[in-house]
PDB file of N, CA and C in Angstrom:
ATOM      1  N   UNK A   1      -5.294 -43.032  57.537  1.00  0.00           N
ATOM      2  CA  UNK A   1      -6.561 -42.536  58.043  1.00  0.00           C
ATOM      3  C   UNK A   1      -6.319 -41.253  58.826  1.00  0.00           C
ATOM      4  N   UNK A   2      -7.105 -40.260  58.565  1.00  0.00           N
ATOM      5  CA  UNK A   2      -6.987 -38.989  59.255  1.00  0.00           C
ATOM      6  C   UNK A   2      -7.948 -38.956  60.428  1.00  0.00           C
ATOM      7  N   UNK A   3      -7.446 -38.561  61.561  1.00  0.00           N
ATOM      8  CA  UNK A   3      -8.280 -38.417  62.751  1.00  0.00           C
ATOM      9  C   UNK A   3      -8.621 -36.939  62.880  1.00  0.00           C
ATOM     10  N   UNK A   4      -9.892 -36.632  62.848  1.00  0.00           N
ATOM     11  CA  UNK A   4     -10.309 -35.240  62.985  1.00  0.00           C
ATOM     12  C   UNK A   4     -10.663 -34.972  64.434  1.00  0.00           C
ATOM     13  N   UNK A   5      -9.962 -34.051  65.028  1.00  0.00           N
ATOM     14  CA  UNK A   5     -10.202 -33.690  66.417  1.00  0.00           C
ATOM     15  C   UNK A   5     -11.182 -32.536  66.469  1.00  0.00           C
ATOM     16  N   UNK A   6     -12.028 -32.549  67.471  1.00  0.00           N
ATOM     17  CA  UNK A   6     -13.071 -31.536  67.616  1.00  0.00           C
ATOM     18  C   UNK A   6     -12.468 -30.140  67.655  1.00  0.00           C
ATOM     19  N   UNK A   7     -13.043 -29.246  66.843  1.00  0.00           N
ATOM     20  CA  UNK A   7     -12.629 -27.855  66.852  1.00  0.00           C
ATOM     21  C   UNK A   7     -11.379 -27.563  66.040  1.00  0.00           C
ATOM     22  N   UNK A   8     -10.843 -28.543  65.322  1.00  0.00           N
ATOM     23  CA  UNK A   8      -9.641 -28.312  64.518  1.00  0.00           C
ATOM     24  C   UNK A   8      -9.916 -28.695  63.076  1.00  0.00           C
ATOM     25  N   UNK A   9      -9.220 -28.036  62.177  1.00  0.00           N
ATOM     26  CA  UNK A   9      -9.344 -28.411  60.776  1.00  0.00           C
ATOM     27  C   UNK A   9      -8.614 -29.734  60.559  1.00  0.00           C
ATOM     28  N   UNK A  10      -8.866 -30.364  59.428  1.00  0.00           N
ATOM     29  CA  UNK A  10      -8.238 -31.655  59.131  1.00  0.00           C
ATOM     30  C   UNK A  10      -6.712 -31.527  59.088  1.00  0.00           C
ATOM     31  N   UNK A  11      -6.194 -30.443  58.503  1.00  0.00           N
ATOM     32  CA  UNK A  11      -4.746 -30.251  58.418  1.00  0.00           C
ATOM     33  C   UNK A  11      -4.121 -30.102  59.809  1.00  0.00           C
ATOM     34  N   UNK A  12      -4.790 -29.365  60.685  1.00  0.00           N
ATOM     35  CA  UNK A  12      -4.272 -29.188  62.044  1.00  0.00           C
ATOM     36  C   UNK A  12      -4.340 -30.483  62.845  1.00  0.00           C
ATOM     37  N   UNK A  13      -5.356 -31.294  62.597  1.00  0.00           N
ATOM     38  CA  UNK A  13      -5.544 -32.529  63.351  1.00  0.00           C
ATOM     39  C   UNK A  13      -4.433 -33.531  63.075  1.00  0.00           C
ATOM     40  N   UNK A  14      -3.823 -33.485  61.905  1.00  0.00           N
ATOM     41  CA  UNK A  14      -2.823 -34.477  61.544  1.00  0.00           C
ATOM     42  C   UNK A  14      -1.403 -34.041  61.886  1.00  0.00           C
ATOM     43  N   UNK A  15      -1.204 -32.817  62.264  1.00  0.00           N
ATOM     44  CA  UNK A  15       0.143 -32.312  62.554  1.00  0.00           C
ATOM     45  C   UNK A  15       0.570 -32.716  63.959  1.00  0.00           C
ATOM     46  N   UNK A  16       1.805 -33.214  64.068  1.00  0.00           N
ATOM     47  CA  UNK A  16       2.346 -33.618  65.365  1.00  0.00           C
ATOM     48  C   UNK A  16       3.519 -32.741  65.788  1.00  0.00           C
ATOM     49  N   UNK A  17       3.813 -31.714  65.009  1.00  0.00           N
ATOM     50  CA  UNK A  17       4.927 -30.839  65.321  1.00  0.00           C
ATOM     51  C   UNK A  17       6.203 -31.323  64.659  1.00  0.00           C
ATOM     52  N   UNK A  18       7.318 -30.686  64.990  1.00  0.00           N
ATOM     53  CA  UNK A  18       8.589 -31.079  64.367  1.00  0.00           C
ATOM     54  C   UNK A  18       9.168 -32.340  65.014  1.00  0.00           C
ATOM     55  N   UNK A  19       9.859 -33.122  64.218  1.00  0.00           N
ATOM     56  CA  UNK A  19      10.558 -34.308  64.712  1.00  0.00           C
ATOM     57  C   UNK A  19      11.718 -33.847  65.601  1.00  0.00           C
ATOM     58  N   UNK A  20      11.869 -34.412  66.794  1.00  0.00           N
ATOM     59  CA  UNK A  20      12.967 -34.012  67.674  1.00  0.00           C
ATOM     60  C   UNK A  20      14.352 -34.327  67.108  1.00  0.00           C
ATOM     61  N   UNK A  21      14.426 -35.225  66.132  1.00  0.00           N
ATOM     62  CA  UNK A  21      15.718 -35.575  65.540  1.00  0.00           C
ATOM     63  C   UNK A  21      16.045 -34.686  64.351  1.00  0.00           C
ATOM     64  N   UNK A  22      15.184 -34.682  63.325  1.00  0.00           N
ATOM     65  CA  UNK A  22      15.515 -33.975  62.083  1.00  0.00           C
ATOM     66  C   UNK A  22      14.895 -32.588  61.981  1.00  0.00           C
ATOM     67  N   UNK A  23      13.890 -32.302  62.806  1.00  0.00           N
ATOM     68  CA  UNK A  23      13.259 -30.989  62.783  1.00  0.00           C
ATOM     69  C   UNK A  23      12.195 -30.803  61.710  1.00  0.00           C
ATOM     70  N   UNK A  24      11.991 -31.814  60.847  1.00  0.00           N
ATOM     71  CA  UNK A  24      10.947 -31.705  59.823  1.00  0.00           C
ATOM     72  C   UNK A  24       9.580 -31.937  60.459  1.00  0.00           C
ATOM     73  N   UNK A  25       8.531 -31.377  59.836  1.00  0.00           N
ATOM     74  CA  UNK A  25       7.174 -31.574  60.337  1.00  0.00           C
ATOM     75  C   UNK A  25       6.801 -33.050  60.311  1.00  0.00           C
ATOM     76  N   UNK A  26       5.964 -33.454  61.261  1.00  0.00           N
ATOM     77  CA  UNK A  26       5.435 -34.810  61.301  1.00  0.00           C
ATOM     78  C   UNK A  26       3.924 -34.740  61.159  1.00  0.00           C
ATOM     79  N   UNK A  27       3.366 -35.738  60.474  1.00  0.00           N
ATOM     80  CA  UNK A  27       1.920 -35.880  60.357  1.00  0.00           C
ATOM     81  C   UNK A  27       1.544 -37.290  60.782  1.00  0.00           C
ATOM     82  N   UNK A  28       0.363 -37.435  61.399  1.00  0.00           N
ATOM     83  CA  UNK A  28      -0.087 -38.747  61.845  1.00  0.00           C
ATOM     84  C   UNK A  28      -0.091 -39.715  60.676  1.00  0.00           C
ATOM     85  N   UNK A  29       0.301 -40.950  60.947  1.00  0.00           N
ATOM     86  CA  UNK A  29       0.280 -41.972  59.910  1.00  0.00           C
ATOM     87  C   UNK A  29       1.486 -42.878  59.995  1.00  0.00           C
ATOM     88  N   UNK A  30       1.728 -43.653  58.938  1.00  0.00           N
ATOM     89  CA  UNK A  30       2.785 -44.664  58.968  1.00  0.00           C
ATOM     90  C   UNK A  30       4.206 -44.109  58.980  1.00  0.00           C
ATOM     91  N   UNK A  31       4.382 -42.821  58.720  1.00  0.00           N
ATOM     92  CA  UNK A  31       5.736 -42.263  58.709  1.00  0.00           C
ATOM     93  C   UNK A  31       6.191 -41.808  60.099  1.00  0.00           C
ATOM     94  N   UNK A  32       5.361 -42.063  61.140  1.00  0.00           N
ATOM     95  CA  UNK A  32       5.669 -41.604  62.499  1.00  0.00           C
ATOM     96  C   UNK A  32       5.615 -42.785  63.471  1.00  0.00           C
ATOM     97  N   UNK A  33       6.571 -42.829  64.390  1.00  0.00           N
ATOM     98  CA  UNK A  33       6.650 -43.852  65.438  1.00  0.00           C
ATOM     99  C   UNK A  33       6.812 -43.174  66.787  1.00  0.00           C
ATOM    100  N   UNK A  34       6.532 -43.934  67.849  1.00  0.00           N
ATOM    101  CA  UNK A  34       6.855 -43.490  69.207  1.00  0.00           C
ATOM    102  C   UNK A  34       8.232 -44.052  69.560  1.00  0.00           C
ATOM    103  N   UNK A  35       9.065 -43.224  70.170  1.00  0.00           N
ATOM    104  CA  UNK A  35      10.396 -43.664  70.595  1.00  0.00           C
ATOM    105  C   UNK A  35      10.559 -43.414  72.087  1.00  0.00           C
ATOM    106  N   UNK A  36      10.903 -44.462  72.828  1.00  0.00           N
ATOM    107  CA  UNK A  36      11.228 -44.327  74.250  1.00  0.00           C
ATOM    108  C   UNK A  36      12.699 -43.946  74.340  1.00  0.00           C
ATOM    109  N   UNK A  37      12.992 -42.791  74.904  1.00  0.00           N
ATOM    110  CA  UNK A  37      14.380 -42.321  74.974  1.00  0.00           C
ATOM    111  C   UNK A  37      15.231 -43.274  75.799  1.00  0.00           C
ATOM    112  N   UNK A  38      14.692 -43.775  76.876  1.00  0.00           N
ATOM    113  CA  UNK A  38      15.326 -44.874  77.612  1.00  0.00           C
ATOM    114  C   UNK A  38      14.444 -46.082  77.327  1.00  0.00           C
ATOM    115  N   UNK A  39      15.002 -47.115  76.679  1.00  0.00           N
ATOM    116  CA  UNK A  39      14.177 -48.271  76.314  1.00  0.00           C
ATOM    117  C   UNK A  39      13.407 -48.836  77.511  1.00  0.00           C
ATOM    118  N   UNK A  40      12.216 -49.348  77.232  1.00  0.00           N
ATOM    119  CA  UNK A  40      11.374 -49.896  78.298  1.00  0.00           C
ATOM    120  C   UNK A  40      12.082 -51.011  79.054  1.00  0.00           C
ATOM    121  N   UNK A  41      12.871 -51.820  78.356  1.00  0.00           N
ATOM    122  CA  UNK A  41      13.632 -52.893  79.028  1.00  0.00           C
ATOM    123  C   UNK A  41      14.620 -52.342  80.048  1.00  0.00           C
ATOM    124  N   UNK A  42      15.012 -51.108  79.850  1.00  0.00           N
ATOM    125  CA  UNK A  42      15.963 -50.459  80.756  1.00  0.00           C
ATOM    126  C   UNK A  42      15.246 -49.568  81.767  1.00  0.00           C
ATOM    127  N   UNK A  43      13.920 -49.673  81.834  1.00  0.00           N
ATOM    128  CA  UNK A  43      13.147 -48.918  82.819  1.00  0.00           C
ATOM    129  C   UNK A  43      12.586 -47.595  82.341  1.00  0.00           C
ATOM    130  N   UNK A  44      12.684 -47.305  81.054  1.00  0.00           N
ATOM    131  CA  UNK A  44      12.218 -46.023  80.536  1.00  0.00           C
ATOM    132  C   UNK A  44      10.712 -45.955  80.363  1.00  0.00           C
ATOM    133  N   UNK A  45      10.175 -44.772  80.556  1.00  0.00           N
ATOM    134  CA  UNK A  45       8.749 -44.545  80.352  1.00  0.00           C
ATOM    135  C   UNK A  45       8.485 -43.358  79.436  1.00  0.00           C
ATOM    136  N   UNK A  46       9.387 -42.398  79.369  1.00  0.00           N
ATOM    137  CA  UNK A  46       9.180 -41.199  78.560  1.00  0.00           C
ATOM    138  C   UNK A  46       9.402 -41.477  77.087  1.00  0.00           C
ATOM    139  N   UNK A  47       8.545 -40.898  76.249  1.00  0.00           N
ATOM    140  CA  UNK A  47       8.668 -41.106  74.816  1.00  0.00           C
ATOM    141  C   UNK A  47       8.261 -39.849  74.061  1.00  0.00           C
ATOM    142  N   UNK A  48       8.647 -39.812  72.788  1.00  0.00           N
ATOM    143  CA  UNK A  48       8.262 -38.753  71.856  1.00  0.00           C
ATOM    144  C   UNK A  48       7.924 -39.400  70.525  1.00  0.00           C
ATOM    145  N   UNK A  49       7.154 -38.677  69.731  1.00  0.00           N
ATOM    146  CA  UNK A  49       6.970 -39.085  68.349  1.00  0.00           C
ATOM    147  C   UNK A  49       8.217 -38.710  67.569  1.00  0.00           C
ATOM    148  N   UNK A  50       8.639 -39.579  66.648  1.00  0.00           N
ATOM    149  CA  UNK A  50       9.741 -39.329  65.720  1.00  0.00           C
ATOM    150  C   UNK A  50       9.295 -39.803  64.344  1.00  0.00           C
ATOM    151  N   UNK A  51       9.935 -39.281  63.308  1.00  0.00           N
ATOM    152  CA  UNK A  51       9.739 -39.893  61.997  1.00  0.00           C
ATOM    153  C   UNK A  51      10.222 -41.333  62.090  1.00  0.00           C
ATOM    154  N   UNK A  52       9.525 -42.227  61.432  1.00  0.00           N
ATOM    155  CA  UNK A  52       9.908 -43.640  61.455  1.00  0.00           C
ATOM    156  C   UNK A  52      11.342 -43.818  60.944  1.00  0.00           C
ATOM    157  N   UNK A  53      11.740 -43.084  59.908  1.00  0.00           N
ATOM    158  CA  UNK A  53      13.087 -43.229  59.373  1.00  0.00           C
ATOM    159  C   UNK A  53      14.136 -42.782  60.405  1.00  0.00           C
ATOM    160  N   UNK A  54      13.840 -41.745  61.179  1.00  0.00           N
ATOM    161  CA  UNK A  54      14.760 -41.284  62.227  1.00  0.00           C
ATOM    162  C   UNK A  54      14.819 -42.314  63.355  1.00  0.00           C
ATOM    163  N   UNK A  55      13.668 -42.881  63.709  1.00  0.00           N
ATOM    164  CA  UNK A  55      13.596 -43.898  64.746  1.00  0.00           C
ATOM    165  C   UNK A  55      14.400 -45.133  64.330  1.00  0.00           C
ATOM    166  N   UNK A  56      14.214 -45.575  63.084  1.00  0.00           N
ATOM    167  CA  UNK A  56      14.945 -46.742  62.588  1.00  0.00           C
ATOM    168  C   UNK A  56      16.450 -46.478  62.583  1.00  0.00           C
ATOM    169  N   UNK A  57      16.838 -45.274  62.235  1.00  0.00           N
ATOM    170  CA  UNK A  57      18.269 -44.948  62.213  1.00  0.00           C
ATOM    171  C   UNK A  57      18.872 -45.052  63.609  1.00  0.00           C
ATOM    172  N   UNK A  58      18.179 -44.532  64.610  1.00  0.00           N
ATOM    173  CA  UNK A  58      18.672 -44.646  65.987  1.00  0.00           C
ATOM    174  C   UNK A  58      18.913 -46.105  66.363  1.00  0.00           C
ATOM    175  N   UNK A  59      17.929 -46.955  66.076  1.00  0.00           N
ATOM    176  CA  UNK A  59      18.036 -48.357  66.468  1.00  0.00           C
ATOM    177  C   UNK A  59      18.996 -49.147  65.587  1.00  0.00           C
ATOM    178  N   UNK A  60      19.303 -48.653  64.394  1.00  0.00           N
ATOM    179  CA  UNK A  60      20.293 -49.334  63.560  1.00  0.00           C
ATOM    180  C   UNK A  60      21.723 -49.001  64.005  1.00  0.00           C
ATOM    181  N   UNK A  61      21.894 -47.848  64.640  1.00  0.00           N
ATOM    182  CA  UNK A  61      23.229 -47.421  65.084  1.00  0.00           C
ATOM    183  C   UNK A  61      23.563 -47.826  66.512  1.00  0.00           C
ATOM    184  N   UNK A  62      22.559 -47.862  67.380  1.00  0.00           N
ATOM    185  CA  UNK A  62      22.815 -48.011  68.806  1.00  0.00           C
ATOM    186  C   UNK A  62      22.039 -49.171  69.409  1.00  0.00           C
ATOM    187  N   UNK A  63      22.682 -49.913  70.307  1.00  0.00           N
ATOM    188  CA  UNK A  63      21.976 -50.965  71.033  1.00  0.00           C
ATOM    189  C   UNK A  63      21.192 -50.325  72.189  1.00  0.00           C
ATOM    190  N   UNK A  64      20.353 -51.108  72.838  1.00  0.00           N
ATOM    191  CA  UNK A  64      19.475 -50.554  73.875  1.00  0.00           C
ATOM    192  C   UNK A  64      20.242 -50.003  75.072  1.00  0.00           C
ATOM    193  N   UNK A  65      21.341 -50.608  75.433  1.00  0.00           N
ATOM    194  CA  UNK A  65      22.128 -50.098  76.565  1.00  0.00           C
ATOM    195  C   UNK A  65      22.712 -48.726  76.234  1.00  0.00           C
ATOM    196  N   UNK A  66      23.217 -48.561  75.004  1.00  0.00           N
ATOM    197  CA  UNK A  66      23.748 -47.260  74.584  1.00  0.00           C
ATOM    198  C   UNK A  66      22.639 -46.220  74.545  1.00  0.00           C
ATOM    199  N   UNK A  67      21.471 -46.610  74.035  1.00  0.00           N
ATOM    200  CA  UNK A  67      20.341 -45.681  74.018  1.00  0.00           C
ATOM    201  C   UNK A  67      19.955 -45.266  75.437  1.00  0.00           C
ATOM    202  N   UNK A  68      19.984 -46.208  76.368  1.00  0.00           N
ATOM    203  CA  UNK A  68      19.597 -45.912  77.750  1.00  0.00           C
ATOM    204  C   UNK A  68      20.615 -45.022  78.451  1.00  0.00           C
ATOM    205  N   UNK A  69      21.902 -45.266  78.216  1.00  0.00           N
ATOM    206  CA  UNK A  69      22.937 -44.586  79.001  1.00  0.00           C
ATOM    207  C   UNK A  69      23.571 -43.369  78.334  1.00  0.00           C
ATOM    208  N   UNK A  70      23.560 -43.313  77.007  1.00  0.00           N
ATOM    209  CA  UNK A  70      24.281 -42.236  76.317  1.00  0.00           C
ATOM    210  C   UNK A  70      23.377 -41.433  75.386  1.00  0.00           C
ATOM    211  N   UNK A  71      22.648 -42.122  74.519  1.00  0.00           N
ATOM    212  CA  UNK A  71      21.813 -41.453  73.514  1.00  0.00           C
ATOM    213  C   UNK A  71      20.368 -41.439  74.014  1.00  0.00           C
ATOM    214  N   UNK A  72      20.147 -40.844  75.183  1.00  0.00           N
ATOM    215  CA  UNK A  72      18.829 -40.882  75.808  1.00  0.00           C
ATOM    216  C   UNK A  72      18.070 -39.555  75.745  1.00  0.00           C
ATOM    217  N   UNK A  73      18.539 -38.649  74.886  1.00  0.00           N
ATOM    218  CA  UNK A  73      17.833 -37.399  74.626  1.00  0.00           C
ATOM    219  C   UNK A  73      17.958 -37.077  73.143  1.00  0.00           C
ATOM    220  N   UNK A  74      17.073 -36.233  72.662  1.00  0.00           N
ATOM    221  CA  UNK A  74      17.155 -35.807  71.264  1.00  0.00           C
ATOM    222  C   UNK A  74      18.464 -35.062  71.011  1.00  0.00           C
ATOM    223  N   UNK A  75      18.899 -34.255  71.970  1.00  0.00           N
ATOM    224  CA  UNK A  75      20.140 -33.495  71.813  1.00  0.00           C
ATOM    225  C   UNK A  75      21.336 -34.433  71.664  1.00  0.00           C
ATOM    226  N   UNK A  76      21.389 -35.477  72.485  1.00  0.00           N
ATOM    227  CA  UNK A  76      22.493 -36.444  72.401  1.00  0.00           C
ATOM    228  C   UNK A  76      22.468 -37.160  71.060  1.00  0.00           C
ATOM    229  N   UNK A  77      21.296 -37.509  70.586  1.00  0.00           N
ATOM    230  CA  UNK A  77      21.189 -38.193  69.297  1.00  0.00           C
ATOM    231  C   UNK A  77      21.629 -37.281  68.162  1.00  0.00           C
ATOM    232  N   UNK A  78      21.159 -36.039  68.168  1.00  0.00           N
ATOM    233  CA  UNK A  78      21.515 -35.102  67.089  1.00  0.00           C
ATOM    234  C   UNK A  78      22.994 -34.801  67.056  1.00  0.00           C
ATOM    235  N   UNK A  79      23.667 -34.837  68.194  1.00  0.00           N
ATOM    236  CA  UNK A  79      25.086 -34.459  68.235  1.00  0.00           C
ATOM    237  C   UNK A  79      26.034 -35.611  67.894  1.00  0.00           C
ATOM    238  N   UNK A  80      25.538 -36.830  67.770  1.00  0.00           N
ATOM    239  CA  UNK A  80      26.401 -37.960  67.408  1.00  0.00           C
ATOM    240  C   UNK A  80      26.811 -37.811  65.950  1.00  0.00           C
ATOM    241  N   UNK A  81      28.109 -38.011  65.623  1.00  0.00           N
ATOM    242  CA  UNK A  81      28.583 -37.806  64.245  1.00  0.00           C
ATOM    243  C   UNK A  81      27.820 -38.618  63.188  1.00  0.00           C
ATOM    244  N   UNK A  82      27.473 -39.862  63.475  1.00  0.00           N
ATOM    245  CA  UNK A  82      26.723 -40.655  62.496  1.00  0.00           C
ATOM    246  C   UNK A  82      25.323 -40.094  62.279  1.00  0.00           C
ATOM    247  N   UNK A  83      24.732 -39.543  63.301  1.00  0.00           N
ATOM    248  CA  UNK A  83      23.406 -38.954  63.166  1.00  0.00           C
ATOM    249  C   UNK A  83      23.479 -37.610  62.443  1.00  0.00           C
ATOM    250  N   UNK A  84      24.552 -36.859  62.646  1.00  0.00           N
ATOM    251  CA  UNK A  84      24.686 -35.563  61.978  1.00  0.00           C
ATOM    252  C   UNK A  84      24.635 -35.714  60.466  1.00  0.00           C
ATOM    253  N   UNK A  85      25.366 -36.697  59.928  1.00  0.00           N
ATOM    254  CA  UNK A  85      25.357 -36.893  58.477  1.00  0.00           C
ATOM    255  C   UNK A  85      23.998 -37.397  58.005  1.00  0.00           C
ATOM    256  N   UNK A  86      23.367 -38.265  58.786  1.00  0.00           N
ATOM    257  CA  UNK A  86      22.028 -38.745  58.447  1.00  0.00           C
ATOM    258  C   UNK A  86      21.031 -37.592  58.426  1.00  0.00           C
ATOM    259  N   UNK A  87      21.064 -36.737  59.437  1.00  0.00           N
ATOM    260  CA  UNK A  87      20.134 -35.610  59.536  1.00  0.00           C
ATOM    261  C   UNK A  87      20.296 -34.675  58.341  1.00  0.00           C
ATOM    262  N   UNK A  88      21.532 -34.422  57.961  1.00  0.00           N
ATOM    263  CA  UNK A  88      21.783 -33.562  56.800  1.00  0.00           C
ATOM    264  C   UNK A  88      21.116 -34.146  55.559  1.00  0.00           C
ATOM    265  N   UNK A  89      21.196 -35.466  55.400  1.00  0.00           N
ATOM    266  CA  UNK A  89      20.576 -36.136  54.254  1.00  0.00           C
ATOM    267  C   UNK A  89      19.051 -36.147  54.366  1.00  0.00           C
ATOM    268  N   UNK A  90      18.524 -36.549  55.533  1.00  0.00           N
ATOM    269  CA  UNK A  90      17.078 -36.770  55.662  1.00  0.00           C
ATOM    270  C   UNK A  90      16.292 -35.465  55.573  1.00  0.00           C
ATOM    271  N   UNK A  91      16.885 -34.354  55.907  1.00  0.00           N
ATOM    272  CA  UNK A  91      16.166 -33.072  55.827  1.00  0.00           C
ATOM    273  C   UNK A  91      15.782 -32.724  54.396  1.00  0.00           C
ATOM    274  N   UNK A  92      16.428 -33.362  53.418  1.00  0.00           N
ATOM    275  CA  UNK A  92      16.121 -33.124  52.006  1.00  0.00           C
ATOM    276  C   UNK A  92      15.054 -34.091  51.487  1.00  0.00           C
ATOM    277  N   UNK A  93      14.592 -35.015  52.321  1.00  0.00           N
ATOM    278  CA  UNK A  93      13.657 -36.058  51.904  1.00  0.00           C
ATOM    279  C   UNK A  93      12.217 -35.661  52.246  1.00  0.00           C
ATOM    280  N   UNK A  94      11.247 -36.282  51.562  1.00  0.00           N
ATOM    281  CA  UNK A  94       9.838 -36.017  51.885  1.00  0.00           C
ATOM    282  C   UNK A  94       9.517 -36.468  53.317  1.00  0.00           C
ATOM    283  N   UNK A  95       8.603 -35.784  53.991  1.00  0.00           N
ATOM    284  CA  UNK A  95       8.298 -36.113  55.378  1.00  0.00           C
ATOM    285  C   UNK A  95       7.623 -37.466  55.533  1.00  0.00           C
ATOM    286  N   UNK A  96       7.054 -38.005  54.455  1.00  0.00           N
ATOM    287  CA  UNK A  96       6.384 -39.306  54.520  1.00  0.00           C
ATOM    288  C   UNK A  96       7.343 -40.477  54.305  1.00  0.00           C
ATOM    289  N   UNK A  97       8.612 -40.222  53.996  1.00  0.00           N
ATOM    290  CA  UNK A  97       9.576 -41.281  53.718  1.00  0.00           C
ATOM    291  C   UNK A  97       9.747 -42.183  54.939  1.00  0.00           C
ATOM    292  N   UNK A  98       9.639 -43.487  54.729  1.00  0.00           N
ATOM    293  CA  UNK A  98       9.792 -44.446  55.821  1.00  0.00           C
ATOM    294  C   UNK A  98      11.198 -45.015  55.829  1.00  0.00           C
ATOM    295  N   UNK A  99      11.711 -45.444  54.695  1.00  0.00           N
ATOM    296  CA  UNK A  99      13.085 -45.918  54.572  1.00  0.00           C
ATOM    297  C   UNK A  99      13.351 -47.246  55.242  1.00  0.00           C
ATOM    298  N   UNK A 100      14.588 -47.714  55.063  1.00  0.00           N
ATOM    299  CA  UNK A 100      15.032 -48.972  55.657  1.00  0.00           C
ATOM    300  C   UNK A 100      16.455 -48.795  56.165  1.00  0.00           C
ATOM    301  N   UNK A 101      16.768 -49.468  57.247  1.00  0.00           N
ATOM    302  CA  UNK A 101      18.126 -49.482  57.779  1.00  0.00           C
ATOM    303  C   UNK A 101      18.458 -50.907  58.154  1.00  0.00           C
ATOM    304  N   UNK A 102      19.650 -51.325  57.832  1.00  0.00           N
ATOM    305  CA  UNK A 102      20.095 -52.664  58.185  1.00  0.00           C
ATOM    306  C   UNK A 102      20.545 -52.676  59.634  1.00  0.00           C
ATOM    307  N   UNK A 103      20.278 -53.773  60.332  1.00  0.00           N
ATOM    308  CA  UNK A 103      20.768 -53.936  61.700  1.00  0.00           C
ATOM    309  C   UNK A 103      22.267 -54.197  61.646  1.00  0.00           C
ATOM    310  N   UNK A 104      23.029 -53.680  62.596  1.00  0.00           N
ATOM    311  CA  UNK A 104      24.467 -53.940  62.638  1.00  0.00           C
ATOM    312  C   UNK A 104      24.729 -55.434  62.787  1.00  0.00           C
ATOM    313  N   UNK A 105      25.848 -55.893  62.260  1.00  0.00           N
ATOM    314  CA  UNK A 105      26.222 -57.301  62.384  1.00  0.00           C
ATOM    315  C   UNK A 105      26.378 -57.652  63.847  1.00  0.00           C
ATOM    316  N   UNK A 106      25.956 -58.873  64.193  1.00  0.00           N
ATOM    317  CA  UNK A 106      26.094 -59.336  65.566  1.00  0.00           C
ATOM    318  C   UNK A 106      24.889 -59.055  66.437  1.00  0.00           C
ATOM    319  N   UNK A 107      23.917 -58.315  65.918  1.00  0.00           N
ATOM    320  CA  UNK A 107      22.687 -58.036  66.667  1.00  0.00           C
ATOM    321  C   UNK A 107      21.555 -58.851  66.091  1.00  0.00           C
ATOM    322  N   UNK A 108      20.629 -59.233  66.939  1.00  0.00           N
ATOM    323  CA  UNK A 108      19.457 -59.967  66.469  1.00  0.00           C
ATOM    324  C   UNK A 108      18.404 -59.051  65.972  1.00  0.00           C
TER     325      UNK A 108
END
């Protein structure tokens, strides 16, 4: 569903800017999630929109404590070696791609 904001065209209303992880454009809808840089369980309140596939990748690689203490900014996430290879791949994918990531063994 497209939300039309007053005074903007439909295309402008759906744009959320570039993803802080992969840099590709984001549009409102199922391909976008909110990500708390410091998980709420760890006291975080700040968040950004990310592509859902980028958000899932973060949570498939890192537990909440690591996200809170180490990977708590877009810059830290982009500079991690596992994320670098993912970003190189995902930049070639359509912006609407949702994807799937398996949870690491030993995590619920």
